[in-house]
């Protein structure tokens, strides 16, 4: 690509990053439109990509070519389909600059429009039969249109429109006899404090290893899915088989020892098969293992799942397994803060809650006064404390050798959930019960 224009390079780089899955359409669309491309073939490929995205179809070369053929069979044949761009695929290794490329493509489109407008105005200026006032008004209007190119106005709402949507939502709740605005966690005590999981919010569950972060998150995911809301559970730590095993243990009488060590009995295999064909087959729970995931990978997959109606709640297990972009100018806290900000933006953009899991610092183990988690115990606490809408700590006194509470009541199988932060509501502590393997949770 050495002898071709910079704008051509940016257009092909952006397209290849989209087609090869290096970036997500949601990061540039609807700001960038097909007509903004200087290259007509590239604009055509981009139009087909947008159509796939809007229909919730994952990017695939065969499906992309089918969509191009559907839009304009004659032009598809003229440019030899995907051959217009496929020779460049190997030249694009990362999609981290696509938003900058989109800005430059939009700017190039604006410059071409300005050049055309300049020529048009020069011609009108010498036509003395035209009113000067009309010429100036036409020029001003077209200048305003050019300045608005690349601006996404779809998010602008008149306040009464927002009000009508809120009223409609509450009317649906009345009709469906729903008594919580947020998605229920399945634990009544927790729901009473936080009001459920609310769209656009980022709650965070924090705990030391072995305290049950993943168990609580999976319990919540199952409860939400069983209520009919699709859940997208992203694990950066456990394999899909391990996560499936936890689901089996929570929904069946399968032996944990047999599942993990000795192998299932014939009776247990049949029970699992029946569970898989009945309850699990109908459960809108989607599990994904993403190794070395970047926040942009998460955003891309969530947006696709959302378009396919597979996501009313996202669970990310867990935050500190994210692959953060290295930058000599920024420290770990800064890059993590940027990642969380992108996750928060995603929650707002897609109007869904995103439940994050986070580890705690080891300092909690060194304390002699109390092992109860505090905000400062969160890893990278300054960043998380600022970004998270809700912070929930898990505390299982039994794990610390405490067998009875101050009233002499047994603490065996009793856990505490401490809501230490709630940006839009109250804080407090609630109890829950769990079994020996922490695979089944219930209200206290």
Protein backbone atom coordinates (compact mmCIF):
# COMPACT_ATOMS: atom_id res chain seq x y z
CA UNK A 1 0.00 0.00 0.00
CA UNK A 2 3.06 2.29 -0.17
CA UNK A 3 2.09 4.11 -3.37
CA UNK A 4 -1.55 4.80 -2.60
CA UNK A 5 -3.19 7.69 -0.77
CA UNK A 6 -3.38 7.94 3.00
CA UNK A 7 -7.18 8.13 2.83
CA UNK A 8 -7.28 4.86 0.87
CA UNK A 9 -5.07 3.24 3.53
CA UNK A 10 -7.34 4.43 6.31
CA UNK A 11 -10.48 3.17 4.55
CA UNK A 12 -9.01 -0.26 3.83
CA UNK A 13 -7.54 -0.52 7.35
CA UNK A 14 -10.91 0.26 8.90
CA UNK A 15 -12.74 -2.23 6.68
CA UNK A 16 -10.24 -5.01 7.27
CA UNK A 17 -10.34 -4.44 11.04
CA UNK A 18 -14.13 -4.84 10.90
CA UNK A 19 -14.16 -7.88 8.62
CA UNK A 20 -11.41 -9.73 10.49
CA UNK A 21 -13.08 -9.07 13.86
CA UNK A 22 -10.38 -6.78 15.20
CA UNK A 23 -12.95 -4.14 16.10
CA UNK A 24 -16.70 -3.71 16.52
CA UNK A 25 -19.11 -1.92 14.18
CA UNK A 26 -20.69 -0.27 17.22
CA UNK A 27 -17.54 1.79 17.80
CA UNK A 28 -17.91 3.70 14.52
CA UNK A 29 -21.54 3.30 13.44
CA UNK A 30 -23.85 5.22 13.09
CA UNK A 31 -21.33 8.09 12.93
CA UNK A 32 -19.66 6.68 9.84
CA UNK A 33 -21.96 6.10 6.85
CA UNK A 34 -21.26 4.25 3.56
CA UNK A 35 -21.46 7.48 1.57
CA UNK A 36 -18.55 8.93 3.56
CA UNK A 37 -16.07 6.61 1.85
CA UNK A 38 -14.06 8.08 -1.03
CA UNK A 39 -13.77 4.61 -2.59
CA UNK A 40 -17.15 3.44 -3.88
CA UNK A 41 -16.25 -0.29 -3.59
CA UNK A 42 -15.15 0.20 0.02
CA UNK A 43 -18.35 2.09 0.79
CA UNK A 44 -20.31 -0.78 -0.72
CA UNK A 45 -18.53 -3.37 1.45
CA UNK A 46 -19.10 -1.17 4.50
CA UNK A 47 -22.83 -0.86 3.69
CA UNK A 48 -23.15 -4.65 3.64
CA UNK A 49 -21.25 -4.86 6.95
CA UNK A 50 -23.65 -2.35 8.53
CA UNK A 51 -26.64 -4.40 7.36
CA UNK A 52 -25.25 -7.54 8.98
CA UNK A 53 -24.65 -5.63 12.21
CA UNK A 54 -28.15 -4.11 12.26
CA UNK A 55 -29.66 -7.57 11.76
CA UNK A 56 -27.63 -9.08 14.62
CA UNK A 57 -25.61 -11.31 12.27
CA UNK A 58 -21.96 -11.95 13.21
CA UNK A 59 -19.31 -10.90 10.71
CA UNK A 60 -18.58 -13.70 8.25
CA UNK A 61 -17.05 -13.46 4.76
CA UNK A 62 -19.65 -15.72 3.17
CA UNK A 63 -22.58 -13.89 4.76
CA UNK A 64 -20.97 -10.54 3.86
CA UNK A 65 -20.72 -11.54 0.21
CA UNK A 66 -24.33 -12.77 0.23
CA UNK A 67 -25.44 -9.39 1.60
CA UNK A 68 -23.40 -7.51 -1.03
CA UNK A 69 -25.01 -9.63 -3.75
CA UNK A 70 -28.45 -8.95 -2.28
CA UNK A 71 -27.95 -5.16 -2.18
CA UNK A 72 -26.70 -4.78 -5.77
CA UNK A 73 -25.96 -7.94 -7.80
CA UNK A 74 -24.61 -6.02 -10.80
CA UNK A 75 -22.15 -3.93 -8.78
CA UNK A 76 -21.16 -6.98 -6.75
CA UNK A 77 -20.10 -8.70 -9.97
CA UNK A 78 -18.37 -5.56 -11.23
CA UNK A 79 -15.99 -5.37 -8.26
CA UNK A 80 -15.63 -9.16 -7.92
CA UNK A 81 -17.31 -9.22 -4.53
CA UNK A 82 -15.07 -9.37 -1.49
CA UNK A 83 -12.00 -9.50 -3.75
CA UNK A 84 -12.12 -5.69 -3.59
CA UNK A 85 -10.61 -5.83 -0.11
CA UNK A 86 -9.48 -9.36 0.76
CA UNK A 87 -5.94 -8.94 -0.57
CA UNK A 88 -5.30 -6.41 2.21
CA UNK A 89 -6.47 -8.52 5.19
CA UNK A 90 -2.99 -9.57 6.27
CA UNK A 91 -1.82 -5.96 6.47
CA UNK A 92 -4.14 -5.08 9.37
CA UNK A 93 -3.06 -6.58 12.69
CA UNK A 94 -5.00 -4.47 15.18
CA UNK A 95 -8.18 -2.41 15.23
CA UNK A 96 -7.15 0.00 17.99
CA UNK A 97 -7.09 3.03 15.64
CA UNK A 98 -10.39 2.52 13.80
CA UNK A 99 -12.13 5.41 15.53
CA UNK A 100 -9.34 7.71 14.42
CA UNK A 101 -9.59 6.30 10.88
CA UNK A 102 -13.36 6.91 10.95
CA UNK A 103 -12.76 10.53 12.01
CA UNK A 104 -10.34 11.03 9.11
CA UNK A 105 -12.72 9.41 6.59
CA UNK A 106 -15.52 11.70 7.76
CA UNK A 107 -13.21 14.70 7.55
CA UNK A 108 -12.23 13.72 3.99
CA UNK A 109 -15.91 13.54 3.05
CA UNK A 110 -16.48 17.00 4.56
CA UNK A 111 -13.56 18.43 2.58
CA UNK A 112 -14.92 17.00 -0.67
CA UNK A 113 -18.35 18.46 0.12
CA UNK A 114 -16.78 21.84 0.88
CA UNK A 115 -14.90 21.78 -2.40
CA UNK A 116 -18.09 20.99 -4.31
CA UNK A 117 -19.96 23.73 -2.42
CA UNK A 118 -17.21 26.23 -3.21
CA UNK A 119 -17.53 25.51 -6.93
CA UNK A 120 -21.32 25.78 -6.73
CA UNK A 121 -21.18 29.11 -4.89
CA UNK A 122 -18.72 30.61 -7.37
CA UNK A 123 -21.13 29.75 -10.17
CA UNK A 124 -24.11 31.25 -8.32
CA UNK A 125 -22.22 34.41 -7.34
CA UNK A 126 -22.11 35.59 -10.98
CA UNK A 127 -25.76 34.80 -11.65
CA UNK A 128 -27.22 38.27 -10.99
CA UNK A 129 -30.76 37.06 -11.48
CA UNK A 130 -30.40 35.16 -8.16
CA UNK A 131 -31.12 36.93 -4.90
CA UNK A 132 -27.98 37.47 -2.81
CA UNK A 133 -30.02 36.77 0.33
CA UNK A 134 -31.14 33.44 -1.08
CA UNK A 135 -27.57 32.53 -2.09
CA UNK A 136 -26.30 33.29 1.44
CA UNK A 137 -29.12 31.36 3.10
CA UNK A 138 -28.53 28.32 0.85
CA UNK A 139 -24.80 28.47 1.56
CA UNK A 140 -25.34 28.74 5.32
CA UNK A 141 -27.74 25.78 5.32
CA UNK A 142 -25.34 23.58 3.35
CA UNK A 143 -22.42 24.59 5.58
CA UNK A 144 -24.45 23.54 8.62
CA UNK A 145 -25.24 20.20 6.97
CA UNK A 146 -21.55 19.59 6.24
CA UNK A 147 -20.57 20.49 9.81
CA UNK A 148 -23.04 17.90 11.14
CA UNK A 149 -21.61 15.04 9.08
CA UNK A 150 -20.46 12.27 11.39
CA UNK A 151 -22.53 13.50 14.33
CA UNK A 152 -24.83 10.85 15.79
CA UNK A 153 -28.08 12.63 16.65
CA UNK A 154 -29.96 9.44 17.50
CA UNK A 155 -29.19 9.87 21.22
CA UNK A 156 -30.80 13.33 21.48
CA UNK A 157 -34.26 13.14 23.04
CA UNK A 158 -36.78 15.79 23.96
CA UNK A 159 -37.51 15.54 27.67
CA UNK A 160 -41.21 14.66 27.28
CA UNK A 161 -40.27 11.74 24.99
CA UNK A 162 -38.12 10.35 27.78
CA UNK A 163 -41.04 10.82 30.15
CA UNK A 164 -43.40 8.89 27.86
CA UNK A 165 -40.93 6.00 27.75
CA UNK A 166 -40.65 5.97 31.55
CA UNK A 167 -44.45 5.97 31.90
CA UNK A 168 -44.77 3.16 29.35
CA UNK A 169 -42.17 1.09 31.21
CA UNK A 170 -44.03 1.43 34.51
CA UNK A 171 -47.35 0.63 32.84
CA UNK A 172 -45.82 -2.60 31.48
CA UNK A 173 -44.64 -3.42 34.99
CA UNK A 174 -48.20 -2.94 36.27
CA UNK A 175 -49.64 -5.16 33.54
CA UNK A 176 -47.05 -7.89 34.14
CA UNK A 177 -47.36 -7.60 37.94
CA UNK A 178 -43.63 -6.81 38.22
CA UNK A 179 -42.63 -5.07 41.45
CA UNK A 180 -39.00 -4.14 40.77
CA UNK A 181 -37.55 -1.78 38.17
CA UNK A 182 -34.30 -3.73 38.11
CA UNK A 183 -33.59 -7.39 37.39
CA UNK A 184 -33.98 -9.46 40.55
CA UNK A 185 -30.78 -11.00 41.93
CA UNK A 186 -32.78 -13.88 43.40
CA UNK A 187 -31.87 -12.78 46.94
CA UNK A 188 -34.71 -10.79 48.50
CA UNK A 189 -32.52 -9.10 51.09
CA UNK A 190 -30.09 -7.84 48.45
CA UNK A 191 -32.91 -6.68 46.17
CA UNK A 192 -34.44 -4.67 49.03
CA UNK A 193 -31.18 -2.74 49.42
CA UNK A 194 -30.15 -2.12 45.81
CA UNK A 195 -33.52 -2.42 44.02
CA UNK A 196 -32.24 -5.13 41.68
CA UNK A 197 -29.79 -4.75 38.79
CA UNK A 198 -30.67 -1.55 36.93
CA UNK A 199 -30.04 -0.75 33.24
CA UNK A 200 -26.99 1.43 32.64
CA UNK A 201 -25.39 0.59 35.99
CA UNK A 202 -22.16 -1.26 36.76
CA UNK A 203 -22.39 -3.17 40.07
CA UNK A 204 -19.21 -4.78 41.39
CA UNK A 205 -18.88 -7.87 43.59
CA UNK A 206 -15.64 -7.94 45.58
CA UNK A 207 -14.15 -10.77 47.63
CA UNK A 208 -10.93 -12.63 48.34
CA UNK A 209 -10.29 -15.87 46.40
CA UNK A 210 -12.48 -18.73 47.59
CA UNK A 211 -15.16 -16.52 49.13
CA UNK A 212 -17.67 -17.14 46.34
CA UNK A 213 -17.53 -14.30 43.80
CA UNK A 214 -18.15 -16.58 40.84
CA UNK A 215 -20.72 -18.62 42.78
CA UNK A 216 -22.76 -15.53 43.63
CA UNK A 217 -22.47 -14.14 40.10
CA UNK A 218 -23.55 -17.44 38.57
CA UNK A 219 -26.46 -17.69 41.03
CA UNK A 220 -27.62 -14.20 40.00
CA UNK A 221 -27.17 -15.05 36.30
CA UNK A 222 -29.27 -18.20 36.68
CA UNK A 223 -32.02 -16.36 38.58
CA UNK A 224 -32.20 -13.63 35.91
CA UNK A 225 -32.19 -16.19 33.08
CA UNK A 226 -34.89 -18.30 34.77
CA UNK A 227 -37.05 -15.17 34.99
CA UNK A 228 -36.95 -14.99 31.17
CA UNK A 229 -34.23 -12.36 30.67
CA UNK A 230 -31.25 -13.40 28.52
CA UNK A 231 -27.88 -13.31 30.29
CA UNK A 232 -24.44 -13.12 28.68
CA UNK A 233 -21.89 -14.58 31.10
CA UNK A 234 -18.27 -13.84 30.12
CA UNK A 235 -15.61 -15.81 31.94
CA UNK A 236 -11.96 -14.82 31.65
CA UNK A 237 -10.82 -17.41 34.17
CA UNK A 238 -12.83 -20.66 34.12
CA UNK A 239 -13.32 -22.98 31.15
CA UNK A 240 -16.80 -23.47 29.72
CA UNK A 241 -16.88 -27.01 31.08
CA UNK A 242 -16.02 -25.82 34.60
CA UNK A 243 -18.77 -23.22 34.47
CA UNK A 244 -21.25 -25.77 33.15
CA UNK A 245 -20.28 -28.05 36.02
CA UNK A 246 -21.16 -25.36 38.54
CA UNK A 247 -24.54 -24.93 36.88
CA UNK A 248 -25.19 -28.67 37.14
CA UNK A 249 -24.31 -28.69 40.83
CA UNK A 250 -26.67 -25.81 41.49
CA UNK A 251 -29.63 -27.31 39.61
CA UNK A 252 -29.29 -31.04 40.24
CA UNK A 253 -28.37 -33.66 42.84
CA UNK A 254 -25.19 -34.64 40.98
CA UNK A 255 -22.26 -35.40 43.29
CA UNK A 256 -19.55 -32.75 43.19
CA UNK A 257 -16.89 -35.40 43.83
CA UNK A 258 -18.15 -37.54 40.95
CA UNK A 259 -18.33 -34.58 38.59
CA UNK A 260 -14.85 -33.31 39.37
CA UNK A 261 -12.94 -36.48 40.24
CA UNK A 262 -14.49 -39.92 39.90
CA UNK A 263 -16.86 -39.54 36.98
CA UNK A 264 -20.66 -39.47 36.94
CA UNK A 265 -22.67 -42.60 37.57
CA UNK A 266 -25.08 -43.96 34.97
CA UNK A 267 -28.00 -42.53 36.94
CA UNK A 268 -26.33 -39.11 37.18
CA UNK A 269 -25.53 -39.07 33.46
CA UNK A 270 -29.18 -39.71 32.69
CA UNK A 271 -30.23 -36.96 35.12
CA UNK A 272 -27.82 -34.52 33.45
CA UNK A 273 -29.09 -35.50 30.01
CA UNK A 274 -32.70 -34.86 31.06
CA UNK A 275 -31.76 -31.53 32.64
CA UNK A 276 -29.91 -30.52 29.50
CA UNK A 277 -32.87 -31.38 27.24
CA UNK A 278 -35.47 -29.65 29.40
CA UNK A 279 -34.61 -26.76 31.72
CA UNK A 280 -31.18 -25.89 30.29
CA UNK A 281 -32.34 -26.11 26.66
CA UNK A 282 -34.91 -23.39 27.37
CA UNK A 283 -32.67 -21.25 29.57
CA UNK A 284 -31.56 -17.94 27.92
CA UNK A 285 -28.08 -18.15 29.46
CA UNK A 286 -25.15 -17.68 27.06
CA UNK A 287 -21.63 -18.44 28.25
CA UNK A 288 -18.43 -17.27 26.61
CA UNK A 289 -14.78 -17.87 27.51
CA UNK A 290 -12.55 -15.12 26.12
CA UNK A 291 -8.84 -15.65 26.84
CA UNK A 292 -6.64 -12.53 27.03
CA UNK A 293 -9.69 -10.36 26.41
CA UNK A 294 -9.33 -6.64 25.76
CA UNK A 295 -12.13 -4.30 26.73
CA UNK A 296 -12.81 -3.68 23.02
CA UNK A 297 -13.29 -7.43 22.53
CA UNK A 298 -15.85 -7.36 25.34
CA UNK A 299 -17.65 -4.37 23.82
CA UNK A 300 -17.79 -6.01 20.39
CA UNK A 301 -19.19 -9.28 21.69
CA UNK A 302 -21.75 -7.62 23.98
CA UNK A 303 -23.04 -5.39 21.20
CA UNK A 304 -23.43 -8.40 18.92
CA UNK A 305 -25.19 -10.39 21.65
CA UNK A 306 -27.46 -7.42 22.30
CA UNK A 307 -28.40 -7.18 18.62
CA UNK A 308 -29.27 -10.89 18.69
CA UNK A 309 -31.49 -10.48 21.78
CA UNK A 310 -29.13 -12.60 23.86
CA UNK A 311 -28.26 -10.06 26.50
CA UNK A 312 -30.31 -8.21 29.14
CA UNK A 313 -27.51 -8.66 31.69
CA UNK A 314 -23.75 -9.06 31.29
CA UNK A 315 -21.60 -10.76 33.92
CA UNK A 316 -17.83 -10.30 33.63
CA UNK A 317 -15.79 -12.77 35.68
CA UNK A 318 -13.49 -11.14 36.46
CA UNK A 319 -12.19 -7.59 36.00
CA UNK A 320 -8.50 -8.12 36.75
CA UNK A 321 -8.16 -10.78 34.06
CA UNK A 322 -8.72 -8.18 31.36
CA UNK A 323 -5.83 -7.61 28.96
CA UNK A 324 -5.06 -3.92 29.42
CA UNK A 325 -3.49 -1.92 26.62
CA UNK A 326 0.11 -1.12 27.55
CA UNK A 327 1.07 2.51 27.28
CA UNK A 328 4.36 4.07 28.32
CA UNK A 329 2.55 7.31 29.17
CA UNK A 330 -0.03 5.73 31.49
CA UNK A 331 0.25 3.60 34.62
CA UNK A 332 -1.84 0.53 35.47
CA UNK A 333 -4.48 2.50 37.37
CA UNK A 334 -5.00 4.88 34.44
CA UNK A 335 -5.37 2.11 31.86
CA UNK A 336 -7.71 0.16 34.15
CA UNK A 337 -9.75 3.31 34.71
CA UNK A 338 -10.08 3.75 30.95
CA UNK A 339 -11.20 0.12 30.61
CA UNK A 340 -13.87 0.49 33.30
CA UNK A 341 -15.04 3.75 31.72
CA UNK A 342 -15.51 1.92 28.41
CA UNK A 343 -17.48 -0.79 30.23
CA UNK A 344 -19.65 1.85 31.91
CA UNK A 345 -20.22 3.53 28.53
CA UNK A 346 -21.28 0.16 27.15
CA UNK A 347 -23.82 -0.33 29.95
CA UNK A 348 -25.36 3.08 29.17
CA UNK A 349 -25.24 2.66 25.39
CA UNK A 350 -26.93 -0.76 25.47
CA UNK A 351 -29.20 0.08 28.45
CA UNK A 352 -28.19 -3.01 30.44
CA UNK A 353 -26.52 -3.72 33.80
CA UNK A 354 -22.97 -5.10 33.64
CA UNK A 355 -21.98 -7.04 36.74
CA UNK A 356 -18.22 -6.97 37.41
CA UNK A 357 -16.28 -9.26 39.71
CA UNK A 358 -13.17 -7.99 41.47
CA UNK A 359 -10.57 -9.38 43.83
CA UNK A 360 -9.56 -7.71 47.09
CA UNK A 361 -6.08 -6.69 48.19
CA UNK A 362 -4.10 -9.04 50.43
CA UNK A 363 -3.97 -6.31 53.09
CA UNK A 364 -7.30 -7.54 54.47
CA UNK A 365 -5.56 -10.73 55.62
CA UNK A 366 -2.99 -8.73 57.58
CA UNK A 367 -5.55 -6.84 59.64
CA UNK A 368 -5.96 -7.94 63.23
CA UNK A 369 -9.03 -5.88 64.16
CA UNK A 370 -11.55 -7.09 61.60
CA UNK A 371 -11.64 -9.08 58.38
CA UNK A 372 -14.81 -7.33 57.20
CA UNK A 373 -14.15 -5.96 53.67
CA UNK A 374 -13.88 -2.21 53.16
CA UNK A 375 -13.82 -0.05 50.03
CA UNK A 376 -10.05 0.37 50.39
CA UNK A 377 -9.69 -3.43 50.20
CA UNK A 378 -10.69 -3.49 46.53
CA UNK A 379 -7.81 -4.03 44.17
CA UNK A 380 -7.19 -0.68 42.47
CA UNK A 381 -9.72 0.67 44.94
CA UNK A 382 -9.46 4.30 43.85
CA UNK A 383 -10.46 3.44 40.28
CA UNK A 384 -13.23 0.98 41.19
CA UNK A 385 -14.63 3.10 43.99
CA UNK A 386 -15.14 5.94 41.55
CA UNK A 387 -16.42 3.92 38.59
CA UNK A 388 -18.73 1.29 40.11
CA UNK A 389 -22.35 2.26 40.77
CA UNK A 390 -22.73 -0.43 43.43
CA UNK A 391 -20.07 -2.27 45.43
CA UNK A 392 -21.05 -5.53 47.14
CA UNK A 393 -18.66 -7.43 49.42
CA UNK A 394 -18.98 -11.12 50.29
CA UNK A 395 -18.02 -12.17 53.80
CA UNK A 396 -18.20 -15.75 55.04
CA UNK A 397 -17.18 -15.71 58.74
CA UNK A 398 -17.04 -19.51 58.75
CA UNK A 399 -14.02 -19.27 56.44
CA UNK A 400 -12.23 -17.18 59.08
CA UNK A 401 -12.89 -19.66 61.87
CA UNK A 402 -15.90 -17.81 63.32
CA UNK A 403 -18.60 -20.34 64.17
CA UNK A 404 -21.06 -18.11 66.08
CA UNK A 405 -22.20 -14.50 65.90
CA UNK A 406 -22.42 -12.04 68.81
CA UNK A 407 -25.78 -13.52 69.81
CA UNK A 408 -24.38 -17.04 69.95
CA UNK A 409 -26.17 -18.18 66.79
CA UNK A 410 -24.40 -20.57 64.44
CA UNK A 411 -22.67 -19.06 61.41
CA UNK A 412 -22.31 -22.40 59.61
CA UNK A 413 -23.48 -21.94 56.02
CA UNK A 414 -24.27 -18.26 56.62
CA UNK A 415 -22.77 -15.53 54.46
CA UNK A 416 -23.05 -11.76 54.54
CA UNK A 417 -23.45 -9.39 51.61
CA UNK A 418 -22.34 -5.86 52.46
CA UNK A 419 -23.49 -3.12 50.08
CA UNK A 420 -20.73 -0.62 50.76
CA UNK A 421 -21.64 1.75 47.94
CA UNK A 422 -24.88 2.44 46.12
CA UNK A 423 -24.76 5.56 43.98
CA UNK A 424 -28.52 5.75 43.53
CA UNK A 425 -29.81 4.15 46.70
CA UNK A 426 -29.11 2.89 50.20
CA UNK A 427 -26.34 0.75 51.65
CA UNK A 428 -26.60 -2.04 54.19
CA UNK A 429 -25.89 -5.67 55.07
CA UNK A 430 -27.97 -8.75 54.35
CA UNK A 431 -27.48 -12.46 55.02
CA UNK A 432 -27.75 -15.48 52.73
CA UNK A 433 -27.38 -19.23 53.07
CA UNK A 434 -25.10 -21.54 51.11
CA UNK A 435 -24.35 -25.24 50.96
CA UNK A 436 -21.04 -26.95 51.65
CA UNK A 437 -19.66 -26.54 48.11
CA UNK A 438 -21.03 -23.01 47.68
CA UNK A 439 -22.97 -24.24 44.68
CA UNK A 440 -26.43 -23.41 46.04
CA UNK A 441 -27.42 -20.09 47.55
CA UNK A 442 -30.71 -18.96 49.06
CA UNK A 443 -32.27 -16.26 51.21
CA UNK A 444 -31.46 -16.33 54.91
